[in-house]
Amino acid sequence: MRYLLKRILEGAGYEVVEAPNGVVALAQMVKSRPGLVVTDLMMPVMGGAELIARLRSDPETESIPVVVVSSQGEVSSNVADAVVMKPFEPGELLETVRVLAGAGG
């Protein structure tokens, strides 16, 4: 799924930094603050829900928009700024990212 998301986003001109889990993602965000985070909820080591909770609890990262791409039926709007359900159309993901990346700066 990471490969597919990367291909879609890079194909649309976005710079993508990928991580295999939430721990690595948090470490990468220390080096460069992303304009937007796209995450699944189901990841090894640290899942997406914990990743988002940690982002929201840090004043440095609390305002970064988060898109959850998930096959899980219930994702609280309190958790993410947007949810794209799997399976999805690339255009749906790109429109969601475009709107949130513009809102997030």
PDB file of N, CA and C in Angstrom:
ATOM      1  N   MET A   1       0.835  -1.196   0.000  1.00  0.00           N
ATOM      2  CA  MET A   1       0.000   0.000   0.000  1.00  0.00           C
ATOM      3  C   MET A   1       0.874   1.252   0.000  1.00  0.00           C
ATOM      4  N   ARG A   2       1.994   1.234   0.767  1.00  0.00           N
ATOM      5  CA  ARG A   2       2.880   2.406   0.785  1.00  0.00           C
ATOM      6  C   ARG A   2       3.383   2.714  -0.619  1.00  0.00           C
ATOM      7  N   TYR A   3       3.747   1.667  -1.354  1.00  0.00           N
ATOM      8  CA  TYR A   3       4.263   1.857  -2.709  1.00  0.00           C
ATOM      9  C   TYR A   3       3.194   2.504  -3.592  1.00  0.00           C
ATOM     10  N   LEU A   4       1.972   2.009  -3.512  1.00  0.00           N
ATOM     11  CA  LEU A   4       0.877   2.558  -4.312  1.00  0.00           C
ATOM     12  C   LEU A   4       0.617   4.023  -3.960  1.00  0.00           C
ATOM     13  N   LEU A   5       0.545   4.323  -2.673  1.00  0.00           N
ATOM     14  CA  LEU A   5       0.321   5.712  -2.254  1.00  0.00           C
ATOM     15  C   LEU A   5       1.449   6.620  -2.741  1.00  0.00           C
ATOM     16  N   LYS A   6       2.676   6.143  -2.612  1.00  0.00           N
ATOM     17  CA  LYS A   6       3.822   6.938  -3.061  1.00  0.00           C
ATOM     18  C   LYS A   6       3.743   7.214  -4.558  1.00  0.00           C
ATOM     19  N   ARG A   7       3.429   6.202  -5.343  1.00  0.00           N
ATOM     20  CA  ARG A   7       3.324   6.373  -6.795  1.00  0.00           C
ATOM     21  C   ARG A   7       2.233   7.387  -7.164  1.00  0.00           C
ATOM     22  N   ILE A   8       1.083   7.272  -6.523  1.00  0.00           N
ATOM     23  CA  ILE A   8      -0.026   8.189  -6.806  1.00  0.00           C
ATOM     24  C   ILE A   8       0.370   9.619  -6.457  1.00  0.00           C
ATOM     25  N   LEU A   9       0.907   9.816  -5.266  1.00  0.00           N
ATOM     26  CA  LEU A   9       1.232  11.168  -4.798  1.00  0.00           C
ATOM     27  C   LEU A   9       2.403  11.773  -5.564  1.00  0.00           C
ATOM     28  N   GLU A  10       3.445  10.997  -5.801  1.00  0.00           N
ATOM     29  CA  GLU A  10       4.580  11.521  -6.577  1.00  0.00           C
ATOM     30  C   GLU A  10       4.173  11.805  -8.017  1.00  0.00           C
ATOM     31  N   GLY A  11       3.289  10.980  -8.554  1.00  0.00           N
ATOM     32  CA  GLY A  11       2.788  11.212  -9.913  1.00  0.00           C
ATOM     33  C   GLY A  11       2.037  12.526 -10.039  1.00  0.00           C
ATOM     34  N   ALA A  12       1.487  12.988  -8.931  1.00  0.00           N
ATOM     35  CA  ALA A  12       0.766  14.264  -8.909  1.00  0.00           C
ATOM     36  C   ALA A  12       1.674  15.425  -8.512  1.00  0.00           C
ATOM     37  N   GLY A  13       2.974  15.141  -8.322  1.00  0.00           N
ATOM     38  CA  GLY A  13       3.922  16.211  -8.031  1.00  0.00           C
ATOM     39  C   GLY A  13       4.244  16.437  -6.571  1.00  0.00           C
ATOM     40  N   TYR A  14       3.740  15.587  -5.687  1.00  0.00           N
ATOM     41  CA  TYR A  14       4.033  15.752  -4.267  1.00  0.00           C
ATOM     42  C   TYR A  14       5.357  15.073  -3.921  1.00  0.00           C
ATOM     43  N   GLU A  15       6.087  15.658  -2.988  1.00  0.00           N
ATOM     44  CA  GLU A  15       7.278  15.021  -2.449  1.00  0.00           C
ATOM     45  C   GLU A  15       6.826  14.082  -1.341  1.00  0.00           C
ATOM     46  N   VAL A  16       7.269  12.841  -1.400  1.00  0.00           N
ATOM     47  CA  VAL A  16       6.811  11.830  -0.456  1.00  0.00           C
ATOM     48  C   VAL A  16       7.987  11.274   0.335  1.00  0.00           C
ATOM     49  N   VAL A  17       7.819  11.216   1.637  1.00  0.00           N
ATOM     50  CA  VAL A  17       8.755  10.519   2.526  1.00  0.00           C
ATOM     51  C   VAL A  17       7.941   9.423   3.174  1.00  0.00           C
ATOM     52  N   GLU A  18       8.380   8.188   2.996  1.00  0.00           N
ATOM     53  CA  GLU A  18       7.581   7.082   3.534  1.00  0.00           C
ATOM     54  C   GLU A  18       8.249   6.450   4.742  1.00  0.00           C
ATOM     55  N   ALA A  19       7.413   5.796   5.542  1.00  0.00           N
ATOM     56  CA  ALA A  19       7.889   5.132   6.749  1.00  0.00           C
ATOM     57  C   ALA A  19       7.112   3.829   6.915  1.00  0.00           C
ATOM     58  N   PRO A  20       7.781   2.785   7.395  1.00  0.00           N
ATOM     59  CA  PRO A  20       7.102   1.502   7.560  1.00  0.00           C
ATOM     60  C   PRO A  20       6.197   1.421   8.780  1.00  0.00           C
ATOM     61  N   ASN A  21       6.361   2.369   9.711  1.00  0.00           N
ATOM     62  CA  ASN A  21       5.534   2.364  10.912  1.00  0.00           C
ATOM     63  C   ASN A  21       5.563   3.744  11.555  1.00  0.00           C
ATOM     64  N   GLY A  22       4.758   3.913  12.592  1.00  0.00           N
ATOM     65  CA  GLY A  22       4.634   5.204  13.242  1.00  0.00           C
ATOM     66  C   GLY A  22       5.892   5.676  13.946  1.00  0.00           C
ATOM     67  N   VAL A  23       6.682   4.753  14.479  1.00  0.00           N
ATOM     68  CA  VAL A  23       7.927   5.128  15.165  1.00  0.00           C
ATOM     69  C   VAL A  23       8.888   5.795  14.186  1.00  0.00           C
ATOM     70  N   VAL A  24       9.066   5.180  13.032  1.00  0.00           N
ATOM     71  CA  VAL A  24       9.952   5.741  12.011  1.00  0.00           C
ATOM     72  C   VAL A  24       9.378   7.055  11.487  1.00  0.00           C
ATOM     73  N   ALA A  25       8.074   7.111  11.309  1.00  0.00           N
ATOM     74  CA  ALA A  25       7.439   8.337  10.828  1.00  0.00           C
ATOM     75  C   ALA A  25       7.699   9.506  11.774  1.00  0.00           C
ATOM     76  N   LEU A  26       7.536   9.280  13.078  1.00  0.00           N
ATOM     77  CA  LEU A  26       7.796  10.345  14.048  1.00  0.00           C
ATOM     78  C   LEU A  26       9.242  10.800  13.996  1.00  0.00           C
ATOM     79  N   ALA A  27      10.169   9.866  13.873  1.00  0.00           N
ATOM     80  CA  ALA A  27      11.589  10.216  13.789  1.00  0.00           C
ATOM     81  C   ALA A  27      11.873  11.054  12.549  1.00  0.00           C
ATOM     82  N   GLN A  28      11.236  10.714  11.435  1.00  0.00           N
ATOM     83  CA  GLN A  28      11.439  11.477  10.203  1.00  0.00           C
ATOM     84  C   GLN A  28      10.844  12.877  10.307  1.00  0.00           C
ATOM     85  N   MET A  29       9.771  13.020  11.062  1.00  0.00           N
ATOM     86  CA  MET A  29       9.137  14.331  11.195  1.00  0.00           C
ATOM     87  C   MET A  29       9.974  15.299  12.008  1.00  0.00           C
ATOM     88  N   VAL A  30      10.884  14.780  12.821  1.00  0.00           N
ATOM     89  CA  VAL A  30      11.803  15.643  13.553  1.00  0.00           C
ATOM     90  C   VAL A  30      12.762  16.312  12.572  1.00  0.00           C
ATOM     91  N   LYS A  31      13.159  15.563  11.538  1.00  0.00           N
ATOM     92  CA  LYS A  31      14.106  16.076  10.537  1.00  0.00           C
ATOM     93  C   LYS A  31      13.451  17.079   9.597  1.00  0.00           C
ATOM     94  N   SER A  32      12.256  16.782   9.168  1.00  0.00           N
ATOM     95  CA  SER A  32      11.553  17.694   8.251  1.00  0.00           C
ATOM     96  C   SER A  32      10.061  17.626   8.529  1.00  0.00           C
ATOM     97  N   ARG A  33       9.488  18.760   8.803  1.00  0.00           N
ATOM     98  CA  ARG A  33       8.059  18.831   9.100  1.00  0.00           C
ATOM     99  C   ARG A  33       7.263  18.669   7.817  1.00  0.00           C
ATOM    100  N   PRO A  34       6.436  17.653   7.726  1.00  0.00           N
ATOM    101  CA  PRO A  34       5.634  17.479   6.516  1.00  0.00           C
ATOM    102  C   PRO A  34       4.476  18.464   6.477  1.00  0.00           C
ATOM    103  N   GLY A  35       4.002  18.723   5.287  1.00  0.00           N
ATOM    104  CA  GLY A  35       2.829  19.565   5.130  1.00  0.00           C
ATOM    105  C   GLY A  35       1.548  18.790   5.370  1.00  0.00           C
ATOM    106  N   LEU A  36       1.667  17.450   5.341  1.00  0.00           N
ATOM    107  CA  LEU A  36       0.508  16.582   5.469  1.00  0.00           C
ATOM    108  C   LEU A  36       0.998  15.174   5.776  1.00  0.00           C
ATOM    109  N   VAL A  37       0.222  14.419   6.525  1.00  0.00           N
ATOM    110  CA  VAL A  37       0.539  13.024   6.824  1.00  0.00           C
ATOM    111  C   VAL A  37      -0.583  12.155   6.268  1.00  0.00           C
ATOM    112  N   VAL A  38      -0.194  11.110   5.533  1.00  0.00           N
ATOM    113  CA  VAL A  38      -1.134  10.087   5.075  1.00  0.00           C
ATOM    114  C   VAL A  38      -0.735   8.807   5.784  1.00  0.00           C
ATOM    115  N   THR A  39      -1.671   8.212   6.510  1.00  0.00           N
ATOM    116  CA  THR A  39      -1.347   7.014   7.273  1.00  0.00           C
ATOM    117  C   THR A  39      -2.480   6.007   7.230  1.00  0.00           C
ATOM    118  N   ASP A  40      -2.094   4.763   7.397  1.00  0.00           N
ATOM    119  CA  ASP A  40      -3.071   3.704   7.627  1.00  0.00           C
ATOM    120  C   ASP A  40      -3.197   3.568   9.138  1.00  0.00           C
ATOM    121  N   LEU A  41      -4.225   2.921   9.598  1.00  0.00           N
ATOM    122  CA  LEU A  41      -4.347   2.661  11.027  1.00  0.00           C
ATOM    123  C   LEU A  41      -3.591   1.398  11.420  1.00  0.00           C
ATOM    124  N   MET A  42      -3.559   0.432  10.515  1.00  0.00           N
ATOM    125  CA  MET A  42      -2.928  -0.856  10.792  1.00  0.00           C
ATOM    126  C   MET A  42      -1.484  -0.838  10.297  1.00  0.00           C
ATOM    127  N   MET A  43      -0.551  -0.659  11.236  1.00  0.00           N
ATOM    128  CA  MET A  43       0.878  -0.697  10.932  1.00  0.00           C
ATOM    129  C   MET A  43       1.570  -1.444  12.069  1.00  0.00           C
ATOM    130  N   PRO A  44       2.708  -2.079  11.764  1.00  0.00           N
ATOM    131  CA  PRO A  44       3.451  -2.743  12.841  1.00  0.00           C
ATOM    132  C   PRO A  44       4.132  -1.726  13.752  1.00  0.00           C
ATOM    133  N   VAL A  45       4.549  -2.150  14.897  1.00  0.00           N
ATOM    134  CA  VAL A  45       5.301  -1.382  15.901  1.00  0.00           C
ATOM    135  C   VAL A  45       4.444  -0.288  16.529  1.00  0.00           C
ATOM    136  N   MET A  46       4.032   0.709  15.738  1.00  0.00           N
ATOM    137  CA  MET A  46       3.131   1.763  16.212  1.00  0.00           C
ATOM    138  C   MET A  46       2.112   2.019  15.113  1.00  0.00           C
ATOM    139  N   GLY A  47       0.856   1.815  15.415  1.00  0.00           N
ATOM    140  CA  GLY A  47      -0.195   2.000  14.433  1.00  0.00           C
ATOM    141  C   GLY A  47      -0.542   3.463  14.207  1.00  0.00           C
ATOM    142  N   GLY A  48      -1.408   3.676  13.249  1.00  0.00           N
ATOM    143  CA  GLY A  48      -1.788   5.024  12.873  1.00  0.00           C
ATOM    144  C   GLY A  48      -2.504   5.814  13.952  1.00  0.00           C
ATOM    145  N   ALA A  49      -3.336   5.154  14.745  1.00  0.00           N
ATOM    146  CA  ALA A  49      -4.064   5.874  15.800  1.00  0.00           C
ATOM    147  C   ALA A  49      -3.096   6.447  16.825  1.00  0.00           C
ATOM    148  N   GLU A  50      -2.100   5.657  17.220  1.00  0.00           N
ATOM    149  CA  GLU A  50      -1.116   6.171  18.177  1.00  0.00           C
ATOM    150  C   GLU A  50      -0.246   7.250  17.548  1.00  0.00           C
ATOM    151  N   LEU A  51       0.114   7.060  16.287  1.00  0.00           N
ATOM    152  CA  LEU A  51       0.883   8.087  15.577  1.00  0.00           C
ATOM    153  C   LEU A  51       0.135   9.418  15.596  1.00  0.00           C
ATOM    154  N   ILE A  52      -1.139   9.378  15.265  1.00  0.00           N
ATOM    155  CA  ILE A  52      -1.943  10.598  15.230  1.00  0.00           C
ATOM    156  C   ILE A  52      -2.056  11.200  16.633  1.00  0.00           C
ATOM    157  N   ALA A  53      -2.264  10.363  17.640  1.00  0.00           N
ATOM    158  CA  ALA A  53      -2.350  10.865  19.016  1.00  0.00           C
ATOM    159  C   ALA A  53      -1.066  11.587  19.406  1.00  0.00           C
ATOM    160  N   ARG A  54       0.063  11.038  19.034  1.00  0.00           N
ATOM    161  CA  ARG A  54       1.339  11.685  19.361  1.00  0.00           C
ATOM    162  C   ARG A  54       1.525  12.983  18.583  1.00  0.00           C
ATOM    163  N   LEU A  55       1.109  12.982  17.328  1.00  0.00           N
ATOM    164  CA  LEU A  55       1.183  14.225  16.554  1.00  0.00           C
ATOM    165  C   LEU A  55       0.331  15.307  17.201  1.00  0.00           C
ATOM    166  N   ARG A  56      -0.878  14.940  17.600  1.00  0.00           N
ATOM    167  CA  ARG A  56      -1.815  15.910  18.177  1.00  0.00           C
ATOM    168  C   ARG A  56      -1.387  16.395  19.563  1.00  0.00           C
ATOM    169  N   SER A  57      -0.579  15.611  20.257  1.00  0.00           N
ATOM    170  CA  SER A  57      -0.156  16.001  21.604  1.00  0.00           C
ATOM    171  C   SER A  57       1.112  16.850  21.606  1.00  0.00           C
ATOM    172  N   ASP A  58       1.723  17.046  20.456  1.00  0.00           N
ATOM    173  CA  ASP A  58       2.957  17.825  20.354  1.00  0.00           C
ATOM    174  C   ASP A  58       2.642  19.167  19.688  1.00  0.00           C
ATOM    175  N   PRO A  59       2.915  20.274  20.365  1.00  0.00           N
ATOM    176  CA  PRO A  59       2.628  21.586  19.769  1.00  0.00           C
ATOM    177  C   PRO A  59       3.327  21.815  18.427  1.00  0.00           C
ATOM    178  N   GLU A  60       4.442  21.147  18.207  1.00  0.00           N
ATOM    179  CA  GLU A  60       5.180  21.297  16.943  1.00  0.00           C
ATOM    180  C   GLU A  60       4.481  20.609  15.773  1.00  0.00           C
ATOM    181  N   THR A  61       3.680  19.585  16.050  1.00  0.00           N
ATOM    182  CA  THR A  61       3.064  18.800  14.976  1.00  0.00           C
ATOM    183  C   THR A  61       1.538  18.747  15.041  1.00  0.00           C
ATOM    184  N   GLU A  62       0.937  19.365  16.052  1.00  0.00           N
ATOM    185  CA  GLU A  62      -0.510  19.225  16.259  1.00  0.00           C
ATOM    186  C   GLU A  62      -1.359  19.754  15.112  1.00  0.00           C
ATOM    187  N   SER A  63      -0.839  20.692  14.336  1.00  0.00           N
ATOM    188  CA  SER A  63      -1.645  21.283  13.269  1.00  0.00           C
ATOM    189  C   SER A  63      -1.400  20.655  11.896  1.00  0.00           C
ATOM    190  N   ILE A  64      -0.535  19.633  11.818  1.00  0.00           N
ATOM    191  CA  ILE A  64      -0.292  18.963  10.538  1.00  0.00           C
ATOM    192  C   ILE A  64      -1.553  18.190  10.153  1.00  0.00           C
ATOM    193  N   PRO A  65      -2.100  18.447   8.968  1.00  0.00           N
ATOM    194  CA  PRO A  65      -3.288  17.699   8.538  1.00  0.00           C
ATOM    195  C   PRO A  65      -2.971  16.211   8.391  1.00  0.00           C
ATOM    196  N   VAL A  66      -3.930  15.368   8.756  1.00  0.00           N
ATOM    197  CA  VAL A  66      -3.755  13.921   8.692  1.00  0.00           C
ATOM    198  C   VAL A  66      -4.882  13.305   7.872  1.00  0.00           C
ATOM    199  N   VAL A  67      -4.488  12.486   6.898  1.00  0.00           N
ATOM    200  CA  VAL A  67      -5.429  11.704   6.108  1.00  0.00           C
ATOM    201  C   VAL A  67      -5.225  10.239   6.485  1.00  0.00           C
ATOM    202  N   VAL A  68      -6.279   9.579   6.898  1.00  0.00           N
ATOM    203  CA  VAL A  68      -6.224   8.149   7.169  1.00  0.00           C
ATOM    204  C   VAL A  68      -6.751   7.425   5.943  1.00  0.00           C
ATOM    205  N   VAL A  69      -5.954   6.483   5.451  1.00  0.00           N
ATOM    206  CA  VAL A  69      -6.381   5.588   4.374  1.00  0.00           C
ATOM    207  C   VAL A  69      -6.581   4.243   5.038  1.00  0.00           C
ATOM    208  N   SER A  70      -7.826   3.764   5.070  1.00  0.00           N
ATOM    209  CA  SER A  70      -8.125   2.586   5.880  1.00  0.00           C
ATOM    210  C   SER A  70      -9.237   1.749   5.283  1.00  0.00           C
ATOM    211  N   SER A  71      -9.197   0.479   5.616  1.00  0.00           N
ATOM    212  CA  SER A  71     -10.301  -0.404   5.257  1.00  0.00           C
ATOM    213  C   SER A  71     -11.243  -0.591   6.439  1.00  0.00           C
ATOM    214  N   GLN A  72     -10.873  -0.029   7.584  1.00  0.00           N
ATOM    215  CA  GLN A  72     -11.727  -0.120   8.770  1.00  0.00           C
ATOM    216  C   GLN A  72     -12.922   0.813   8.605  1.00  0.00           C
ATOM    217  N   GLY A  73     -14.085   0.306   8.944  1.00  0.00           N
ATOM    218  CA  GLY A  73     -15.311   1.048   8.713  1.00  0.00           C
ATOM    219  C   GLY A  73     -15.492   2.292   9.559  1.00  0.00           C
ATOM    220  N   GLU A  74     -15.007   2.281  10.772  1.00  0.00           N
ATOM    221  CA  GLU A  74     -15.239   3.404  11.677  1.00  0.00           C
ATOM    222  C   GLU A  74     -13.929   4.109  12.016  1.00  0.00           C
ATOM    223  N   VAL A  75     -13.783   5.307  11.531  1.00  0.00           N
ATOM    224  CA  VAL A  75     -12.641   6.143  11.886  1.00  0.00           C
ATOM    225  C   VAL A  75     -13.209   7.463  12.354  1.00  0.00           C
ATOM    226  N   SER A  76     -12.954   7.807  13.575  1.00  0.00           N
ATOM    227  CA  SER A  76     -13.499   9.029  14.160  1.00  0.00           C
ATOM    228  C   SER A  76     -12.939  10.259  13.470  1.00  0.00           C
ATOM    229  N   SER A  77     -13.791  11.230  13.226  1.00  0.00           N
ATOM    230  CA  SER A  77     -13.331  12.492  12.660  1.00  0.00           C
ATOM    231  C   SER A  77     -12.477  13.257  13.658  1.00  0.00           C
ATOM    232  N   ASN A  78     -12.535  12.856  14.938  1.00  0.00           N
ATOM    233  CA  ASN A  78     -11.650  13.457  15.939  1.00  0.00           C
ATOM    234  C   ASN A  78     -10.217  12.992  15.752  1.00  0.00           C
ATOM    235  N   VAL A  79     -10.041  11.860  15.109  1.00  0.00           N
ATOM    236  CA  VAL A  79      -8.722  11.263  14.931  1.00  0.00           C
ATOM    237  C   VAL A  79      -8.009  11.873  13.736  1.00  0.00           C
ATOM    238  N   ALA A  80      -8.698  12.039  12.634  1.00  0.00           N
ATOM    239  CA  ALA A  80      -8.069  12.483  11.394  1.00  0.00           C
ATOM    240  C   ALA A  80      -8.839  13.651  10.793  1.00  0.00           C
ATOM    241  N   ASP A  81      -8.156  14.398   9.946  1.00  0.00           N
ATOM    242  CA  ASP A  81      -8.804  15.500   9.233  1.00  0.00           C
ATOM    243  C   ASP A  81      -9.648  14.982   8.078  1.00  0.00           C
ATOM    244  N   ALA A  82      -9.269  13.810   7.550  1.00  0.00           N
ATOM    245  CA  ALA A  82     -10.026  13.198   6.458  1.00  0.00           C
ATOM    246  C   ALA A  82      -9.770  11.699   6.475  1.00  0.00           C
ATOM    247  N   VAL A  83     -10.722  10.951   5.928  1.00  0.00           N
ATOM    248  CA  VAL A  83     -10.603   9.504   5.812  1.00  0.00           C
ATOM    249  C   VAL A  83     -10.899   9.119   4.375  1.00  0.00           C
ATOM    250  N   VAL A  84     -10.012   8.318   3.806  1.00  0.00           N
ATOM    251  CA  VAL A  84     -10.216   7.748   2.479  1.00  0.00           C
ATOM    252  C   VAL A  84     -10.303   6.241   2.681  1.00  0.00           C
ATOM    253  N   MET A  85     -11.451   5.681   2.354  1.00  0.00           N
ATOM    254  CA  MET A  85     -11.673   4.260   2.584  1.00  0.00           C
ATOM    255  C   MET A  85     -11.097   3.417   1.442  1.00  0.00           C
ATOM    256  N   LYS A  86     -10.443   2.305   1.832  1.00  0.00           N
ATOM    257  CA  LYS A  86      -9.961   1.330   0.854  1.00  0.00           C
ATOM    258  C   LYS A  86     -11.129   0.428   0.469  1.00  0.00           C
ATOM    259  N   PRO A  87     -11.233   0.036  -0.765  1.00  0.00           N
ATOM    260  CA  PRO A  87     -10.452   0.494  -1.908  1.00  0.00           C
ATOM    261  C   PRO A  87     -10.873   1.901  -2.309  1.00  0.00           C
ATOM    262  N   PHE A  88      -9.943   2.646  -2.883  1.00  0.00           N
ATOM    263  CA  PHE A  88     -10.223   4.029  -3.251  1.00  0.00           C
ATOM    264  C   PHE A  88      -9.766   4.284  -4.680  1.00  0.00           C
ATOM    265  N   GLU A  89     -10.310   5.331  -5.235  1.00  0.00           N
ATOM    266  CA  GLU A  89      -9.877   5.797  -6.546  1.00  0.00           C
ATOM    267  C   GLU A  89      -8.751   6.801  -6.329  1.00  0.00           C
ATOM    268  N   PRO A  90      -7.696   6.757  -7.141  1.00  0.00           N
ATOM    269  CA  PRO A  90      -6.600   7.718  -6.970  1.00  0.00           C
ATOM    270  C   PRO A  90      -7.076   9.170  -6.950  1.00  0.00           C
ATOM    271  N   GLY A  91      -8.056   9.501  -7.762  1.00  0.00           N
ATOM    272  CA  GLY A  91      -8.561  10.866  -7.789  1.00  0.00           C
ATOM    273  C   GLY A  91      -9.162  11.301  -6.471  1.00  0.00           C
ATOM    274  N   GLU A  92      -9.805  10.382  -5.778  1.00  0.00           N
ATOM    275  CA  GLU A  92     -10.385  10.689  -4.467  1.00  0.00           C
ATOM    276  C   GLU A  92      -9.281  11.035  -3.465  1.00  0.00           C
ATOM    277  N   LEU A  93      -8.225  10.238  -3.456  1.00  0.00           N
ATOM    278  CA  LEU A  93      -7.095  10.507  -2.568  1.00  0.00           C
ATOM    279  C   LEU A  93      -6.445  11.843  -2.916  1.00  0.00           C
ATOM    280  N   LEU A  94      -6.205  12.070  -4.201  1.00  0.00           N
ATOM    281  CA  LEU A  94      -5.527  13.301  -4.614  1.00  0.00           C
ATOM    282  C   LEU A  94      -6.347  14.545  -4.296  1.00  0.00           C
ATOM    283  N   GLU A  95      -7.641  14.475  -4.447  1.00  0.00           N
ATOM    284  CA  GLU A  95      -8.491  15.630  -4.121  1.00  0.00           C
ATOM    285  C   GLU A  95      -8.451  15.907  -2.621  1.00  0.00           C
ATOM    286  N   THR A  96      -8.491  14.863  -1.822  1.00  0.00           N
ATOM    287  CA  THR A  96      -8.425  15.011  -0.366  1.00  0.00           C
ATOM    288  C   THR A  96      -7.098  15.643   0.039  1.00  0.00           C
ATOM    289  N   VAL A  97      -6.016  15.133  -0.521  1.00  0.00           N
ATOM    290  CA  VAL A  97      -4.679  15.671  -0.224  1.00  0.00           C
ATOM    291  C   VAL A  97      -4.552  17.117  -0.680  1.00  0.00           C
ATOM    292  N   ARG A  98      -5.062  17.403  -1.875  1.00  0.00           N
ATOM    293  CA  ARG A  98      -4.976  18.760  -2.418  1.00  0.00           C
ATOM    294  C   ARG A  98      -5.683  19.760  -1.480  1.00  0.00           C
ATOM    295  N   VAL A  99      -6.868  19.398  -1.055  1.00  0.00           N
ATOM    296  CA  VAL A  99      -7.635  20.300  -0.186  1.00  0.00           C
ATOM    297  C   VAL A  99      -6.917  20.501   1.153  1.00  0.00           C
ATOM    298  N   LEU A 100      -6.469  19.424   1.763  1.00  0.00           N
ATOM    299  CA  LEU A 100      -5.836  19.537   3.088  1.00  0.00           C
ATOM    300  C   LEU A 100      -4.442  20.147   3.010  1.00  0.00           C
ATOM    301  N   ALA A 101      -3.700  19.843   1.986  1.00  0.00           N
ATOM    302  CA  ALA A 101      -2.354  20.421   1.864  1.00  0.00           C
ATOM    303  C   ALA A 101      -2.454  21.934   1.658  1.00  0.00           C
ATOM    304  N   GLY A 102      -3.481  22.370   0.953  1.00  0.00           N
ATOM    305  CA  GLY A 102      -3.694  23.801   0.766  1.00  0.00           C
ATOM    306  C   GLY A 102      -4.111  24.459   2.060  1.00  0.00           C
ATOM    307  N   ALA A 103      -4.906  23.747   2.862  1.00  0.00           N
ATOM    308  CA  ALA A 103      -5.382  24.297   4.133  1.00  0.00           C
ATOM    309  C   ALA A 103      -4.272  24.312   5.166  1.00  0.00           C
ATOM    310  N   GLY A 104      -3.387  23.326   5.084  1.00  0.00           N
ATOM    311  CA  GLY A 104      -2.338  23.203   6.078  1.00  0.00           C
ATOM    312  C   GLY A 104      -1.115  24.038   5.789  1.00  0.00           C
ATOM    313  N   GLY A 105      -1.022  24.600   4.591  1.00  0.00           N
ATOM    314  CA  GLY A 105       0.121  25.430   4.259  1.00  0.00           C
ATOM    315  C   GLY A 105       1.052  24.663   3.448  1.00  0.00           C
TER     316      GLY A 105
END
